[in-house]
Amino acid sequence: MTVYPAMISSSRRATWLAEVSARITEAEASTSARTATILLLASTGFNTSEAVQELWADMDALAVLRDVRRRL
């Protein structure tokens, strides 16, 4: 069953919005720190290809969270 925003009570929507926003904040901080670490390691010649792939997967998940927040 698809849940439409109009079907969600305002208190539940507010709770979900707060939770999604908190997760987005955590994900943004984490990806920012990982990006800085990857750039530092790459500048020393360390192979960061696997870490970059994982970072892209996390960035995709962050995009999904942002889309969910936008739809709430």
PDB file of N, CA and C in Angstrom:
ATOM      1  N   MET A   1       0.838  -1.180   0.000  1.00  0.00           N
ATOM      2  CA  MET A   1       0.000   0.000   0.000  1.00  0.00           C
ATOM      3  C   MET A   1       0.881   1.240   0.000  1.00  0.00           C
ATOM      4  N   THR A   2       0.575   2.156  -0.856  1.00  0.00           N
ATOM      5  CA  THR A   2       1.288   3.414  -0.912  1.00  0.00           C
ATOM      6  C   THR A   2       0.729   4.367   0.133  1.00  0.00           C
ATOM      7  N   VAL A   3       1.629   5.044   0.838  1.00  0.00           N
ATOM      8  CA  VAL A   3       1.206   6.019   1.835  1.00  0.00           C
ATOM      9  C   VAL A   3       1.436   7.406   1.253  1.00  0.00           C
ATOM     10  N   TYR A   4       0.388   8.179   1.182  1.00  0.00           N
ATOM     11  CA  TYR A   4       0.476   9.542   0.671  1.00  0.00           C
ATOM     12  C   TYR A   4       0.564  10.511   1.840  1.00  0.00           C
ATOM     13  N   PRO A   5       1.270  11.639   1.680  1.00  0.00           N
ATOM     14  CA  PRO A   5       1.400  12.587   2.781  1.00  0.00           C
ATOM     15  C   PRO A   5       0.066  13.001   3.398  1.00  0.00           C
ATOM     16  N   ALA A   6      -0.975  13.095   2.601  1.00  0.00           N
ATOM     17  CA  ALA A   6      -2.270  13.508   3.131  1.00  0.00           C
ATOM     18  C   ALA A   6      -2.866  12.448   4.061  1.00  0.00           C
ATOM     19  N   MET A   7      -2.382  11.205   3.959  1.00  0.00           N
ATOM     20  CA  MET A   7      -2.895  10.119   4.778  1.00  0.00           C
ATOM     21  C   MET A   7      -2.210  10.060   6.154  1.00  0.00           C
ATOM     22  N   ILE A   8      -1.160  10.838   6.350  1.00  0.00           N
ATOM     23  CA  ILE A   8      -0.377  10.797   7.576  1.00  0.00           C
ATOM     24  C   ILE A   8      -0.842  11.929   8.498  1.00  0.00           C
ATOM     25  N   SER A   9      -1.046  11.605   9.765  1.00  0.00           N
ATOM     26  CA  SER A   9      -1.447  12.647  10.713  1.00  0.00           C
ATOM     27  C   SER A   9      -0.323  13.669  10.860  1.00  0.00           C
ATOM     28  N   SER A  10      -0.681  14.879  11.218  1.00  0.00           N
ATOM     29  CA  SER A  10       0.325  15.941  11.312  1.00  0.00           C
ATOM     30  C   SER A  10       1.345  15.662  12.412  1.00  0.00           C
ATOM     31  N   SER A  11       0.924  15.041  13.503  1.00  0.00           N
ATOM     32  CA  SER A  11       1.887  14.740  14.566  1.00  0.00           C
ATOM     33  C   SER A  11       2.859  13.643  14.130  1.00  0.00           C
ATOM     34  N   ARG A  12       2.347  12.650  13.425  1.00  0.00           N
ATOM     35  CA  ARG A  12       3.227  11.583  12.927  1.00  0.00           C
ATOM     36  C   ARG A  12       4.166  12.141  11.867  1.00  0.00           C
ATOM     37  N   ARG A  13       3.655  13.002  10.999  1.00  0.00           N
ATOM     38  CA  ARG A  13       4.499  13.615   9.963  1.00  0.00           C
ATOM     39  C   ARG A  13       5.625  14.418  10.616  1.00  0.00           C
ATOM     40  N   ALA A  14       5.301  15.170  11.661  1.00  0.00           N
ATOM     41  CA  ALA A  14       6.317  15.966  12.352  1.00  0.00           C
ATOM     42  C   ALA A  14       7.381  15.071  12.983  1.00  0.00           C
ATOM     43  N   THR A  15       6.945  13.960  13.568  1.00  0.00           N
ATOM     44  CA  THR A  15       7.886  13.020  14.168  1.00  0.00           C
ATOM     45  C   THR A  15       8.796  12.419  13.106  1.00  0.00           C
ATOM     46  N   TRP A  16       8.212  11.979  12.007  1.00  0.00           N
ATOM     47  CA  TRP A  16       9.002  11.403  10.924  1.00  0.00           C
ATOM     48  C   TRP A  16       9.951  12.431  10.330  1.00  0.00           C
ATOM     49  N   LEU A  17       9.477  13.653  10.155  1.00  0.00           N
ATOM     50  CA  LEU A  17      10.305  14.708   9.589  1.00  0.00           C
ATOM     51  C   LEU A  17      11.508  14.995  10.485  1.00  0.00           C
ATOM     52  N   ALA A  18      11.277  15.038  11.787  1.00  0.00           N
ATOM     53  CA  ALA A  18      12.379  15.268  12.723  1.00  0.00           C
ATOM     54  C   ALA A  18      13.388  14.130  12.663  1.00  0.00           C
ATOM     55  N   GLU A  19      12.902  12.897  12.593  1.00  0.00           N
ATOM     56  CA  GLU A  19      13.792  11.738  12.533  1.00  0.00           C
ATOM     57  C   GLU A  19      14.591  11.716  11.231  1.00  0.00           C
ATOM     58  N   VAL A  20      13.933  11.950  10.124  1.00  0.00           N
ATOM     59  CA  VAL A  20      14.624  11.971   8.828  1.00  0.00           C
ATOM     60  C   VAL A  20      15.636  13.108   8.796  1.00  0.00           C
ATOM     61  N   SER A  21      15.277  14.258   9.310  1.00  0.00           N
ATOM     62  CA  SER A  21      16.200  15.395   9.333  1.00  0.00           C
ATOM     63  C   SER A  21      17.430  15.096  10.188  1.00  0.00           C
ATOM     64  N   ALA A  22      17.231  14.419  11.307  1.00  0.00           N
ATOM     65  CA  ALA A  22      18.367  14.038  12.158  1.00  0.00           C
ATOM     66  C   ALA A  22      19.284  13.068  11.425  1.00  0.00           C
ATOM     67  N   ARG A  23      18.705  12.114  10.720  1.00  0.00           N
ATOM     68  CA  ARG A  23      19.507  11.147   9.966  1.00  0.00           C
ATOM     69  C   ARG A  23      20.266  11.838   8.832  1.00  0.00           C
ATOM     70  N   ILE A  24      19.634  12.824   8.206  1.00  0.00           N
ATOM     71  CA  ILE A  24      20.307  13.574   7.136  1.00  0.00           C
ATOM     72  C   ILE A  24      21.502  14.335   7.698  1.00  0.00           C
ATOM     73  N   THR A  25      21.313  14.966   8.845  1.00  0.00           N
ATOM     74  CA  THR A  25      22.405  15.706   9.483  1.00  0.00           C
ATOM     75  C   THR A  25      23.571  14.777   9.800  1.00  0.00           C
ATOM     76  N   GLU A  26      23.279  13.606  10.345  1.00  0.00           N
ATOM     77  CA  GLU A  26      24.327  12.620  10.634  1.00  0.00           C
ATOM     78  C   GLU A  26      25.028  12.171   9.361  1.00  0.00           C
ATOM     79  N   ALA A  27      24.259  11.889   8.327  1.00  0.00           N
ATOM     80  CA  ALA A  27      24.837  11.415   7.071  1.00  0.00           C
ATOM     81  C   ALA A  27      25.699  12.486   6.419  1.00  0.00           C
ATOM     82  N   GLU A  28      25.263  13.736   6.483  1.00  0.00           N
ATOM     83  CA  GLU A  28      26.052  14.827   5.906  1.00  0.00           C
ATOM     84  C   GLU A  28      27.380  14.984   6.628  1.00  0.00           C
ATOM     85  N   ALA A  29      27.358  14.910   7.945  1.00  0.00           N
ATOM     86  CA  ALA A  29      28.601  15.027   8.716  1.00  0.00           C
ATOM     87  C   ALA A  29      29.533  13.858   8.411  1.00  0.00           C
ATOM     88  N   SER A  30      28.965  12.671   8.343  1.00  0.00           N
ATOM     89  CA  SER A  30      29.761  11.474   8.078  1.00  0.00           C
ATOM     90  C   SER A  30      30.382  11.519   6.689  1.00  0.00           C
ATOM     91  N   THR A  31      29.592  11.849   5.682  1.00  0.00           N
ATOM     92  CA  THR A  31      30.133  11.873   4.317  1.00  0.00           C
ATOM     93  C   THR A  31      31.146  12.996   4.145  1.00  0.00           C
ATOM     94  N   SER A  32      30.939  14.097   4.826  1.00  0.00           N
ATOM     95  CA  SER A  32      31.904  15.193   4.758  1.00  0.00           C
ATOM     96  C   SER A  32      33.247  14.769   5.356  1.00  0.00           C
ATOM     97  N   ALA A  33      33.201  14.126   6.502  1.00  0.00           N
ATOM     98  CA  ALA A  33      34.437  13.659   7.143  1.00  0.00           C
ATOM     99  C   ALA A  33      35.119  12.594   6.298  1.00  0.00           C
ATOM    100  N   ARG A  34      34.332  11.680   5.742  1.00  0.00           N
ATOM    101  CA  ARG A  34      34.917  10.625   4.903  1.00  0.00           C
ATOM    102  C   ARG A  34      35.528  11.206   3.641  1.00  0.00           C
ATOM    103  N   THR A  35      34.887  12.219   3.072  1.00  0.00           N
ATOM    104  CA  THR A  35      35.439  12.866   1.877  1.00  0.00           C
ATOM    105  C   THR A  35      36.788  13.495   2.186  1.00  0.00           C
ATOM    106  N   ALA A  36      36.879  14.201   3.304  1.00  0.00           N
ATOM    107  CA  ALA A  36      38.149  14.821   3.693  1.00  0.00           C
ATOM    108  C   ALA A  36      39.226  13.758   3.900  1.00  0.00           C
ATOM    109  N   THR A  37      38.860  12.654   4.532  1.00  0.00           N
ATOM    110  CA  THR A  37      39.817  11.574   4.763  1.00  0.00           C
ATOM    111  C   THR A  37      40.275  10.960   3.444  1.00  0.00           C
ATOM    112  N   ILE A  38      39.343  10.732   2.551  1.00  0.00           N
ATOM    113  CA  ILE A  38      39.691  10.150   1.244  1.00  0.00           C
ATOM    114  C   ILE A  38      40.615  11.079   0.473  1.00  0.00           C
ATOM    115  N   LEU A  39      40.316  12.376   0.490  1.00  0.00           N
ATOM    116  CA  LEU A  39      41.179  13.334  -0.215  1.00  0.00           C
ATOM    117  C   LEU A  39      42.583  13.345   0.377  1.00  0.00           C
ATOM    118  N   LEU A  40      42.667  13.278   1.688  1.00  0.00           N
ATOM    119  CA  LEU A  40      43.973  13.251   2.341  1.00  0.00           C
ATOM    120  C   LEU A  40      44.737  11.993   1.962  1.00  0.00           C
ATOM    121  N   LEU A  41      44.074  10.847   2.030  1.00  0.00           N
ATOM    122  CA  LEU A  41      44.730   9.591   1.674  1.00  0.00           C
ATOM    123  C   LEU A  41      45.130   9.569   0.200  1.00  0.00           C
ATOM    124  N   ALA A  42      44.263  10.078  -0.658  1.00  0.00           N
ATOM    125  CA  ALA A  42      44.574  10.104  -2.093  1.00  0.00           C
ATOM    126  C   ALA A  42      45.787  10.986  -2.378  1.00  0.00           C
ATOM    127  N   SER A  43      45.929  12.069  -1.627  1.00  0.00           N
ATOM    128  CA  SER A  43      47.068  12.971  -1.856  1.00  0.00           C
ATOM    129  C   SER A  43      48.400  12.326  -1.474  1.00  0.00           C
ATOM    130  N   THR A  44      48.337  11.280  -0.651  1.00  0.00           N
ATOM    131  CA  THR A  44      49.567  10.570  -0.270  1.00  0.00           C
ATOM    132  C   THR A  44      49.844   9.377  -1.168  1.00  0.00           C
ATOM    133  N   GLY A  45      48.958   9.151  -2.152  1.00  0.00           N
ATOM    134  CA  GLY A  45      49.158   8.048  -3.081  1.00  0.00           C
ATOM    135  C   GLY A  45      48.450   6.769  -2.681  1.00  0.00           C
ATOM    136  N   PHE A  46      47.697   6.806  -1.610  1.00  0.00           N
ATOM    137  CA  PHE A  46      46.960   5.624  -1.155  1.00  0.00           C
ATOM    138  C   PHE A  46      45.839   5.321  -2.139  1.00  0.00           C
ATOM    139  N   ASN A  47      45.598   4.045  -2.412  1.00  0.00           N
ATOM    140  CA  ASN A  47      44.520   3.639  -3.317  1.00  0.00           C
ATOM    141  C   ASN A  47      43.179   3.790  -2.586  1.00  0.00           C
ATOM    142  N   THR A  48      42.376   4.733  -3.027  1.00  0.00           N
ATOM    143  CA  THR A  48      41.109   5.028  -2.363  1.00  0.00           C
ATOM    144  C   THR A  48      39.900   4.602  -3.188  1.00  0.00           C
ATOM    145  N   SER A  49      40.115   3.792  -4.219  1.00  0.00           N
ATOM    146  CA  SER A  49      39.014   3.460  -5.131  1.00  0.00           C
ATOM    147  C   SER A  49      37.853   2.764  -4.411  1.00  0.00           C
ATOM    148  N   GLU A  50      38.146   1.848  -3.502  1.00  0.00           N
ATOM    149  CA  GLU A  50      37.077   1.152  -2.774  1.00  0.00           C
ATOM    150  C   GLU A  50      36.339   2.117  -1.835  1.00  0.00           C
ATOM    151  N   ALA A  51      37.089   2.974  -1.180  1.00  0.00           N
ATOM    152  CA  ALA A  51      36.481   3.949  -0.273  1.00  0.00           C
ATOM    153  C   ALA A  51      35.600   4.939  -1.043  1.00  0.00           C
ATOM    154  N   VAL A  52      36.012   5.306  -2.242  1.00  0.00           N
ATOM    155  CA  VAL A  52      35.223   6.217  -3.065  1.00  0.00           C
ATOM    156  C   VAL A  52      33.921   5.556  -3.494  1.00  0.00           C
ATOM    157  N   GLN A  53      33.975   4.286  -3.851  1.00  0.00           N
ATOM    158  CA  GLN A  53      32.748   3.564  -4.219  1.00  0.00           C
ATOM    159  C   GLN A  53      31.773   3.512  -3.045  1.00  0.00           C
ATOM    160  N   GLU A  54      32.288   3.246  -1.856  1.00  0.00           N
ATOM    161  CA  GLU A  54      31.438   3.213  -0.663  1.00  0.00           C
ATOM    162  C   GLU A  54      30.855   4.595  -0.367  1.00  0.00           C
ATOM    163  N   LEU A  55      31.663   5.624  -0.586  1.00  0.00           N
ATOM    164  CA  LEU A  55      31.184   6.987  -0.370  1.00  0.00           C
ATOM    165  C   LEU A  55      30.044   7.319  -1.327  1.00  0.00           C
ATOM    166  N   TRP A  56      30.167   6.899  -2.587  1.00  0.00           N
ATOM    167  CA  TRP A  56      29.090   7.140  -3.552  1.00  0.00           C
ATOM    168  C   TRP A  56      27.807   6.433  -3.135  1.00  0.00           C
ATOM    169  N   ALA A  57      27.928   5.231  -2.599  1.00  0.00           N
ATOM    170  CA  ALA A  57      26.744   4.507  -2.118  1.00  0.00           C
ATOM    171  C   ALA A  57      26.092   5.271  -0.964  1.00  0.00           C
ATOM    172  N   ASP A  58      26.915   5.804  -0.080  1.00  0.00           N
ATOM    173  CA  ASP A  58      26.375   6.600   1.035  1.00  0.00           C
ATOM    174  C   ASP A  58      25.729   7.895   0.537  1.00  0.00           C
ATOM    175  N   MET A  59      26.319   8.487  -0.486  1.00  0.00           N
ATOM    176  CA  MET A  59      25.745   9.714  -1.049  1.00  0.00           C
ATOM    177  C   MET A  59      24.402   9.423  -1.715  1.00  0.00           C
ATOM    178  N   ASP A  60      24.281   8.263  -2.348  1.00  0.00           N
ATOM    179  CA  ASP A  60      23.002   7.861  -2.930  1.00  0.00           C
ATOM    180  C   ASP A  60      21.945   7.696  -1.833  1.00  0.00           C
ATOM    181  N   ALA A  61      22.333   7.082  -0.718  1.00  0.00           N
ATOM    182  CA  ALA A  61      21.405   6.918   0.408  1.00  0.00           C
ATOM    183  C   ALA A  61      21.002   8.277   0.974  1.00  0.00           C
ATOM    184  N   LEU A  62      21.937   9.204   1.021  1.00  0.00           N
ATOM    185  CA  LEU A  62      21.636  10.559   1.487  1.00  0.00           C
ATOM    186  C   LEU A  62      20.637  11.240   0.558  1.00  0.00           C
ATOM    187  N   ALA A  63      20.795  11.038  -0.722  1.00  0.00           N
ATOM    188  CA  ALA A  63      19.853  11.608  -1.691  1.00  0.00           C
ATOM    189  C   ALA A  63      18.442  11.055  -1.483  1.00  0.00           C
ATOM    190  N   VAL A  64      18.354   9.769  -1.168  1.00  0.00           N
ATOM    191  CA  VAL A  64      17.049   9.160  -0.899  1.00  0.00           C
ATOM    192  C   VAL A  64      16.426   9.780   0.355  1.00  0.00           C
ATOM    193  N   LEU A  65      17.226   9.943   1.395  1.00  0.00           N
ATOM    194  CA  LEU A  65      16.713  10.568   2.624  1.00  0.00           C
ATOM    195  C   LEU A  65      16.210  11.987   2.352  1.00  0.00           C
ATOM    196  N   ARG A  66      16.944  12.730   1.562  1.00  0.00           N
ATOM    197  CA  ARG A  66      16.526  14.107   1.230  1.00  0.00           C
ATOM    198  C   ARG A  66      15.214  14.084   0.444  1.00  0.00           C
ATOM    199  N   ASP A  67      15.065  13.098  -0.439  1.00  0.00           N
ATOM    200  CA  ASP A  67      13.832  12.984  -1.210  1.00  0.00           C
ATOM    201  C   ASP A  67      12.652  12.644  -0.297  1.00  0.00           C
ATOM    202  N   VAL A  68      12.880  11.761   0.657  1.00  0.00           N
ATOM    203  CA  VAL A  68      11.828  11.410   1.616  1.00  0.00           C
ATOM    204  C   VAL A  68      11.427  12.663   2.403  1.00  0.00           C
ATOM    205  N   ARG A  69      12.407  13.422   2.868  1.00  0.00           N
ATOM    206  CA  ARG A  69      12.106  14.645   3.627  1.00  0.00           C
ATOM    207  C   ARG A  69      11.312  15.632   2.770  1.00  0.00           C
ATOM    208  N   ARG A  70      11.692  15.742   1.526  1.00  0.00           N
ATOM    209  CA  ARG A  70      10.983  16.669   0.632  1.00  0.00           C
ATOM    210  C   ARG A  70       9.526  16.252   0.459  1.00  0.00           C
ATOM    211  N   ARG A  71       9.286  14.956   0.413  1.00  0.00           N
ATOM    212  CA  ARG A  71       7.926  14.455   0.202  1.00  0.00           C
ATOM    213  C   ARG A  71       7.080  14.514   1.462  1.00  0.00           C
ATOM    214  N   LEU A  72       7.730  14.568   2.638  1.00  0.00           N
ATOM    215  CA  LEU A  72       6.955  14.678   3.868  1.00  0.00           C
ATOM    216  C   LEU A  72       6.440  16.091   4.007  1.00  0.00           C
TER     217      LEU A  72
END
